[in-house]
Amino acid sequence: MQHIKQYLDDPKSDCSQDSTKLAEKLSTHWVELEGGSEGGMAGFKLIQRMEDVIWNSPFLQFTIERHGSVAQGSTRAELHRWEVNFETKTASIIEKSHRQLIPAAARLDVKPIAKQLAAELLAHKKSNILNWKSDNEVKVEFAKIIKTDSGNKQTIAGRRKRCRNELEKIVEVHGWKHTGNNVFKIGEVIK
């Protein structure tokens, strides 16, 4: 660790502009730092990923982009701001934030969709979206309206839920109730 501190103290090594050498040096000694495994961190993750490096002896601060949420389908990467104390040989995350990697999907206004669905449901219209079990029970196929290619999993689930909730508000004044699994029922058949 001492040779890394000497490297950082050397005015010729400008780690704020090029952190490649620093990342290589620090990655081999990362396991020696108490707290270095916080948040699933490991030394090899420093290579090619250290940003915004600031050296203020004995403290080294840098940001690293984490990709776990992106691998799970998120459009945002988590950013961890680390501080390494070379005197105490400790490392800790001092700040967490996010970076938008892929533009977020445009917001979908579900009210017009729910309004159209309600009109069709109340008119007992037959369609591939309204799967009628009987005159007083229908399953709404939201997946045929809000398709899986319209965003990531959370976005799609949120849109479908908002649409279902909006439909529920519209049809409940007519006696229809959402009973679960996108099924709506009414006590009496309305003609």
C-alpha atoms as a PDB file:
ATOM      1  CA  MET A   1       0.000   0.000   0.000  1.00  0.00           C
ATOM      2  CA  GLN A   2       2.923   2.327   0.716  1.00  0.00           C
ATOM      3  CA  HIS A   3       4.126   2.231  -2.903  1.00  0.00           C
ATOM      4  CA  ILE A   4       0.610   3.267  -4.064  1.00  0.00           C
ATOM      5  CA  LYS A   5       0.682   6.240  -1.686  1.00  0.00           C
ATOM      6  CA  GLN A   6       4.132   7.195  -3.034  1.00  0.00           C
ATOM      7  CA  TYR A   7       2.772   6.927  -6.583  1.00  0.00           C
ATOM      8  CA  LEU A   8      -0.149   9.213  -5.663  1.00  0.00           C
ATOM      9  CA  ASP A   9       2.173  11.726  -3.944  1.00  0.00           C
ATOM     10  CA  ASP A  10       4.377  11.949  -7.046  1.00  0.00           C
ATOM     11  CA  PRO A  11       3.419  15.150  -8.918  1.00  0.00           C
ATOM     12  CA  LYS A  12       4.185  13.402 -12.250  1.00  0.00           C
ATOM     13  CA  SER A  13       1.409  10.860 -11.734  1.00  0.00           C
ATOM     14  CA  ASP A  14      -1.797  12.669 -12.582  1.00  0.00           C
ATOM     15  CA  CYS A  15      -4.360  10.083 -11.539  1.00  0.00           C
ATOM     16  CA  SER A  16      -7.203  12.578 -11.979  1.00  0.00           C
ATOM     17  CA  GLN A  17      -6.574  12.487 -15.741  1.00  0.00           C
ATOM     18  CA  ASP A  18      -5.591   8.837 -16.172  1.00  0.00           C
ATOM     19  CA  SER A  19      -6.585   6.379 -13.489  1.00  0.00           C
ATOM     20  CA  THR A  20      -5.498   3.263 -15.422  1.00  0.00           C
ATOM     21  CA  LYS A  21      -2.174   2.714 -13.614  1.00  0.00           C
ATOM     22  CA  LEU A  22      -3.682   3.589 -10.260  1.00  0.00           C
ATOM     23  CA  ALA A  23      -6.536   1.107 -10.786  1.00  0.00           C
ATOM     24  CA  GLU A  24      -4.066  -1.644 -11.661  1.00  0.00           C
ATOM     25  CA  LYS A  25      -1.936  -0.932  -8.592  1.00  0.00           C
ATOM     26  CA  LEU A  26      -4.858  -0.556  -6.207  1.00  0.00           C
ATOM     27  CA  SER A  27      -6.722  -3.627  -7.508  1.00  0.00           C
ATOM     28  CA  THR A  28      -3.910  -5.970  -6.418  1.00  0.00           C
ATOM     29  CA  HIS A  29      -4.024  -4.623  -2.850  1.00  0.00           C
ATOM     30  CA  TRP A  30      -7.782  -4.087  -2.536  1.00  0.00           C
ATOM     31  CA  VAL A  31      -8.257  -7.199  -0.349  1.00  0.00           C
ATOM     32  CA  GLU A  32      -5.960  -5.608   2.260  1.00  0.00           C
ATOM     33  CA  LEU A  33      -8.442  -2.780   2.849  1.00  0.00           C
ATOM     34  CA  GLU A  34     -10.917  -3.211   5.679  1.00  0.00           C
ATOM     35  CA  GLY A  35     -14.396  -2.558   4.251  1.00  0.00           C
ATOM     36  CA  GLY A  36     -13.254  -3.179   0.678  1.00  0.00           C
ATOM     37  CA  SER A  37     -15.859  -5.878   0.068  1.00  0.00           C
ATOM     38  CA  GLU A  38     -18.760  -3.532   0.932  1.00  0.00           C
ATOM     39  CA  GLY A  39     -21.490  -3.610  -1.699  1.00  0.00           C
ATOM     40  CA  GLY A  40     -19.954  -6.656  -3.397  1.00  0.00           C
ATOM     41  CA  MET A  41     -16.835  -4.746  -4.378  1.00  0.00           C
ATOM     42  CA  ALA A  42     -13.664  -6.548  -5.461  1.00  0.00           C
ATOM     43  CA  GLY A  43     -10.320  -5.237  -6.671  1.00  0.00           C
ATOM     44  CA  PHE A  44     -10.682  -6.382 -10.278  1.00  0.00           C
ATOM     45  CA  LYS A  45     -13.774  -4.160 -10.609  1.00  0.00           C
ATOM     46  CA  LEU A  46     -11.546  -1.071 -10.401  1.00  0.00           C
ATOM     47  CA  ILE A  47      -9.890  -1.769 -13.760  1.00  0.00           C
ATOM     48  CA  GLN A  48     -11.223   0.563 -16.485  1.00  0.00           C
ATOM     49  CA  ARG A  49     -14.025   1.801 -14.179  1.00  0.00           C
ATOM     50  CA  MET A  50     -12.529   4.378 -11.770  1.00  0.00           C
ATOM     51  CA  GLU A  51     -13.847   7.889 -12.360  1.00  0.00           C
ATOM     52  CA  ASP A  52     -13.526  11.316 -10.723  1.00  0.00           C
ATOM     53  CA  VAL A  53     -10.354  10.418  -8.845  1.00  0.00           C
ATOM     54  CA  ILE A  54      -9.312  12.866  -6.118  1.00  0.00           C
ATOM     55  CA  TRP A  55      -6.154  12.458  -4.037  1.00  0.00           C
ATOM     56  CA  ASN A  56      -5.935  14.462  -0.817  1.00  0.00           C
ATOM     57  CA  SER A  57      -3.381  12.576   1.283  1.00  0.00           C
ATOM     58  CA  PRO A  58      -4.088  10.245   3.019  1.00  0.00           C
ATOM     59  CA  PHE A  59      -7.524  10.039   1.361  1.00  0.00           C
ATOM     60  CA  LEU A  60      -8.241   8.759  -2.127  1.00  0.00           C
ATOM     61  CA  GLN A  61     -11.750   9.218  -3.466  1.00  0.00           C
ATOM     62  CA  PHE A  62     -13.181   7.850  -6.676  1.00  0.00           C
ATOM     63  CA  THR A  63     -16.467   6.815  -8.243  1.00  0.00           C
ATOM     64  CA  ILE A  64     -17.163   3.425  -9.768  1.00  0.00           C
ATOM     65  CA  GLU A  65     -20.141   2.432 -11.899  1.00  0.00           C
ATOM     66  CA  ARG A  66     -21.830  -0.791 -10.810  1.00  0.00           C
ATOM     67  CA  HIS A  67     -23.695  -2.868 -13.395  1.00  0.00           C
ATOM     68  CA  GLY A  68     -25.769  -5.289 -11.300  1.00  0.00           C
ATOM     69  CA  SER A  69     -29.062  -3.458 -11.805  1.00  0.00           C
ATOM     70  CA  VAL A  70     -28.391  -3.086 -15.542  1.00  0.00           C
ATOM     71  CA  ALA A  71     -27.863  -6.838 -15.838  1.00  0.00           C
ATOM     72  CA  GLN A  72     -31.297  -7.226 -14.199  1.00  0.00           C
ATOM     73  CA  GLY A  73     -32.939  -5.025 -16.840  1.00  0.00           C
ATOM     74  CA  SER A  74     -32.654  -1.542 -15.342  1.00  0.00           C
ATOM     75  CA  THR A  75     -31.871   1.464 -17.519  1.00  0.00           C
ATOM     76  CA  ARG A  76     -29.804   3.018 -14.712  1.00  0.00           C
ATOM     77  CA  ALA A  77     -26.436   2.044 -13.281  1.00  0.00           C
ATOM     78  CA  GLU A  78     -25.627   2.545  -9.625  1.00  0.00           C
ATOM     79  CA  LEU A  79     -22.651   4.814  -8.833  1.00  0.00           C
ATOM     80  CA  HIS A  80     -20.624   4.279  -5.662  1.00  0.00           C
ATOM     81  CA  ARG A  81     -18.337   7.005  -4.361  1.00  0.00           C
ATOM     82  CA  TRP A  82     -15.494   5.352  -2.453  1.00  0.00           C
ATOM     83  CA  GLU A  83     -13.007   6.769   0.012  1.00  0.00           C
ATOM     84  CA  VAL A  84      -9.789   4.929   0.803  1.00  0.00           C
ATOM     85  CA  ASN A  85      -7.837   5.976   3.879  1.00  0.00           C
ATOM     86  CA  PHE A  86      -4.195   4.988   3.430  1.00  0.00           C
ATOM     87  CA  GLU A  87      -3.348   5.587   7.110  1.00  0.00           C
ATOM     88  CA  THR A  88      -6.000   3.253   8.517  1.00  0.00           C
ATOM     89  CA  LYS A  89      -6.061   0.955   5.443  1.00  0.00           C
ATOM     90  CA  THR A  90      -9.837   1.213   5.205  1.00  0.00           C
ATOM     91  CA  ALA A  91     -12.231   1.674   2.306  1.00  0.00           C
ATOM     92  CA  SER A  92     -15.865   2.684   2.438  1.00  0.00           C
ATOM     93  CA  ILE A  93     -18.695   3.832   0.222  1.00  0.00           C
ATOM     94  CA  ILE A  94     -19.396   7.442   1.148  1.00  0.00           C
ATOM     95  CA  GLU A  95     -22.136   8.170  -1.388  1.00  0.00           C
ATOM     96  CA  LYS A  96     -24.492   6.301  -3.724  1.00  0.00           C
ATOM     97  CA  SER A  97     -26.212   7.716  -6.780  1.00  0.00           C
ATOM     98  CA  HIS A  98     -27.410   6.607 -10.216  1.00  0.00           C
ATOM     99  CA  ARG A  99     -26.604   7.280 -13.853  1.00  0.00           C
ATOM    100  CA  GLN A 100     -29.233   6.930 -16.574  1.00  0.00           C
ATOM    101  CA  LEU A 101     -27.645   4.708 -19.246  1.00  0.00           C
ATOM    102  CA  ILE A 102     -30.614   4.245 -21.547  1.00  0.00           C
ATOM    103  CA  PRO A 103     -33.254   6.942 -21.907  1.00  0.00           C
ATOM    104  CA  ALA A 104     -36.329   6.141 -19.846  1.00  0.00           C
ATOM    105  CA  ALA A 105     -39.403   5.081 -21.792  1.00  0.00           C
ATOM    106  CA  ALA A 106     -41.884   7.859 -22.461  1.00  0.00           C
ATOM    107  CA  ARG A 107     -44.784   7.893 -20.022  1.00  0.00           C
ATOM    108  CA  LEU A 108     -47.872   6.127 -21.340  1.00  0.00           C
ATOM    109  CA  ASP A 109     -51.206   7.841 -20.736  1.00  0.00           C
ATOM    110  CA  VAL A 110     -53.411   4.870 -19.820  1.00  0.00           C
ATOM    111  CA  LYS A 111     -56.618   6.874 -19.347  1.00  0.00           C
ATOM    112  CA  PRO A 112     -57.701   6.794 -23.014  1.00  0.00           C
ATOM    113  CA  ILE A 113     -56.904   3.069 -23.180  1.00  0.00           C
ATOM    114  CA  ALA A 114     -58.911   2.362 -20.027  1.00  0.00           C
ATOM    115  CA  LYS A 115     -61.783   4.526 -21.300  1.00  0.00           C
ATOM    116  CA  GLN A 116     -61.945   2.555 -24.572  1.00  0.00           C
ATOM    117  CA  LEU A 117     -61.742  -0.760 -22.692  1.00  0.00           C
ATOM    118  CA  ALA A 118     -64.515   0.337 -20.343  1.00  0.00           C
ATOM    119  CA  ALA A 119     -66.769   1.284 -23.259  1.00  0.00           C
ATOM    120  CA  GLU A 120     -66.192  -2.130 -24.855  1.00  0.00           C
ATOM    121  CA  LEU A 121     -66.653  -3.985 -21.553  1.00  0.00           C
ATOM    122  CA  LEU A 122     -69.882  -2.161 -20.709  1.00  0.00           C
ATOM    123  CA  ALA A 123     -71.192  -2.870 -24.240  1.00  0.00           C
ATOM    124  CA  HIS A 124     -70.274  -6.583 -23.830  1.00  0.00           C
ATOM    125  CA  LYS A 125     -68.184  -6.344 -26.983  1.00  0.00           C
ATOM    126  CA  LYS A 126     -66.337  -9.495 -27.985  1.00  0.00           C
ATOM    127  CA  SER A 127     -62.644  -9.083 -28.864  1.00  0.00           C
ATOM    128  CA  ASN A 128     -59.264 -10.747 -28.415  1.00  0.00           C
ATOM    129  CA  ILE A 129     -58.650  -8.343 -25.512  1.00  0.00           C
ATOM    130  CA  LEU A 130     -61.907  -9.014 -23.657  1.00  0.00           C
ATOM    131  CA  ASN A 131     -62.058 -12.727 -22.943  1.00  0.00           C
ATOM    132  CA  TRP A 132     -65.665 -13.287 -21.826  1.00  0.00           C
ATOM    133  CA  LYS A 133     -66.122 -16.222 -19.424  1.00  0.00           C
ATOM    134  CA  SER A 134     -69.862 -15.510 -19.087  1.00  0.00           C
ATOM    135  CA  ASP A 135     -72.183 -12.520 -19.420  1.00  0.00           C
ATOM    136  CA  ASN A 136     -71.078 -11.291 -16.002  1.00  0.00           C
ATOM    137  CA  GLU A 137     -67.379 -12.222 -16.018  1.00  0.00           C
ATOM    138  CA  VAL A 138     -64.588 -11.085 -18.316  1.00  0.00           C
ATOM    139  CA  LYS A 139     -60.821 -11.378 -18.307  1.00  0.00           C
ATOM    140  CA  VAL A 140     -59.015  -8.366 -19.742  1.00  0.00           C
ATOM    141  CA  GLU A 141     -55.872  -9.311 -21.675  1.00  0.00           C
ATOM    142  CA  PHE A 142     -53.724  -6.288 -20.806  1.00  0.00           C
ATOM    143  CA  ALA A 143     -50.668  -8.041 -22.307  1.00  0.00           C
ATOM    144  CA  LYS A 144     -52.280  -7.714 -25.750  1.00  0.00           C
ATOM    145  CA  ILE A 145     -52.587  -3.943 -25.284  1.00  0.00           C
ATOM    146  CA  ILE A 146     -49.359  -3.154 -23.446  1.00  0.00           C
ATOM    147  CA  LYS A 147     -46.913  -5.510 -25.097  1.00  0.00           C
ATOM    148  CA  THR A 148     -43.661  -6.857 -23.659  1.00  0.00           C
ATOM    149  CA  ASP A 149     -41.602  -4.872 -26.196  1.00  0.00           C
ATOM    150  CA  SER A 150     -42.875  -1.535 -24.830  1.00  0.00           C
ATOM    151  CA  GLY A 151     -40.184  -1.177 -22.147  1.00  0.00           C
ATOM    152  CA  ASN A 152     -38.371  -3.034 -19.394  1.00  0.00           C
ATOM    153  CA  LYS A 153     -40.183  -5.424 -17.021  1.00  0.00           C
ATOM    154  CA  GLN A 154     -40.914  -2.847 -14.329  1.00  0.00           C
ATOM    155  CA  THR A 155     -42.163  -0.304 -16.862  1.00  0.00           C
ATOM    156  CA  ILE A 156     -44.495  -2.823 -18.512  1.00  0.00           C
ATOM    157  CA  ALA A 157     -45.828  -4.095 -15.180  1.00  0.00           C
ATOM    158  CA  GLY A 158     -46.402  -0.538 -13.985  1.00  0.00           C
ATOM    159  CA  ARG A 159     -48.242   0.445 -17.171  1.00  0.00           C
ATOM    160  CA  ARG A 160     -50.492  -2.604 -17.013  1.00  0.00           C
ATOM    161  CA  LYS A 161     -51.283  -1.990 -13.356  1.00  0.00           C
ATOM    162  CA  ARG A 162     -52.086   1.687 -13.950  1.00  0.00           C
ATOM    163  CA  CYS A 163     -54.336   0.741 -16.862  1.00  0.00           C
ATOM    164  CA  ARG A 164     -56.134  -1.917 -14.796  1.00  0.00           C
ATOM    165  CA  ASN A 165     -56.604   0.529 -11.898  1.00  0.00           C
ATOM    166  CA  GLU A 166     -57.999   3.178 -14.247  1.00  0.00           C
ATOM    167  CA  LEU A 167     -60.377   0.645 -15.836  1.00  0.00           C
ATOM    168  CA  GLU A 168     -61.462  -0.446 -12.380  1.00  0.00           C
ATOM    169  CA  LYS A 169     -62.363   3.156 -11.430  1.00  0.00           C
ATOM    170  CA  ILE A 170     -64.449   3.621 -14.559  1.00  0.00           C
ATOM    171  CA  VAL A 171     -66.450   0.361 -14.435  1.00  0.00           C
ATOM    172  CA  GLU A 172     -67.039   0.123 -10.685  1.00  0.00           C
ATOM    173  CA  VAL A 173     -69.769   2.780 -10.885  1.00  0.00           C
ATOM    174  CA  HIS A 174     -71.569   0.344 -13.197  1.00  0.00           C
ATOM    175  CA  GLY A 175     -71.323  -2.520 -10.683  1.00  0.00           C
ATOM    176  CA  TRP A 176     -68.205  -4.235 -12.069  1.00  0.00           C
ATOM    177  CA  LYS A 177     -65.493  -5.300  -9.617  1.00  0.00           C
ATOM    178  CA  HIS A 178     -61.929  -6.418 -10.236  1.00  0.00           C
ATOM    179  CA  THR A 179     -61.603  -9.842  -8.583  1.00  0.00           C
ATOM    180  CA  GLY A 180     -57.921 -10.483  -9.347  1.00  0.00           C
ATOM    181  CA  ASN A 181     -55.894 -11.847 -12.257  1.00  0.00           C
ATOM    182  CA  ASN A 182     -57.363  -9.150 -14.532  1.00  0.00           C
ATOM    183  CA  VAL A 183     -60.862 -10.646 -14.146  1.00  0.00           C
ATOM    184  CA  PHE A 184     -63.837  -8.323 -13.722  1.00  0.00           C
ATOM    185  CA  LYS A 185     -67.248  -9.506 -12.502  1.00  0.00           C
ATOM    186  CA  ILE A 186     -70.656  -7.999 -12.000  1.00  0.00           C
ATOM    187  CA  GLY A 187     -73.373  -9.265  -9.656  1.00  0.00           C
ATOM    188  CA  GLU A 188     -76.114  -9.000 -12.253  1.00  0.00           C
ATOM    189  CA  VAL A 189     -75.925  -9.044 -16.014  1.00  0.00           C
ATOM    190  CA  ILE A 190     -76.443  -5.538 -17.396  1.00  0.00           C
ATOM    191  CA  LYS A 191     -78.138  -5.451 -20.766  1.00  0.00           C
END
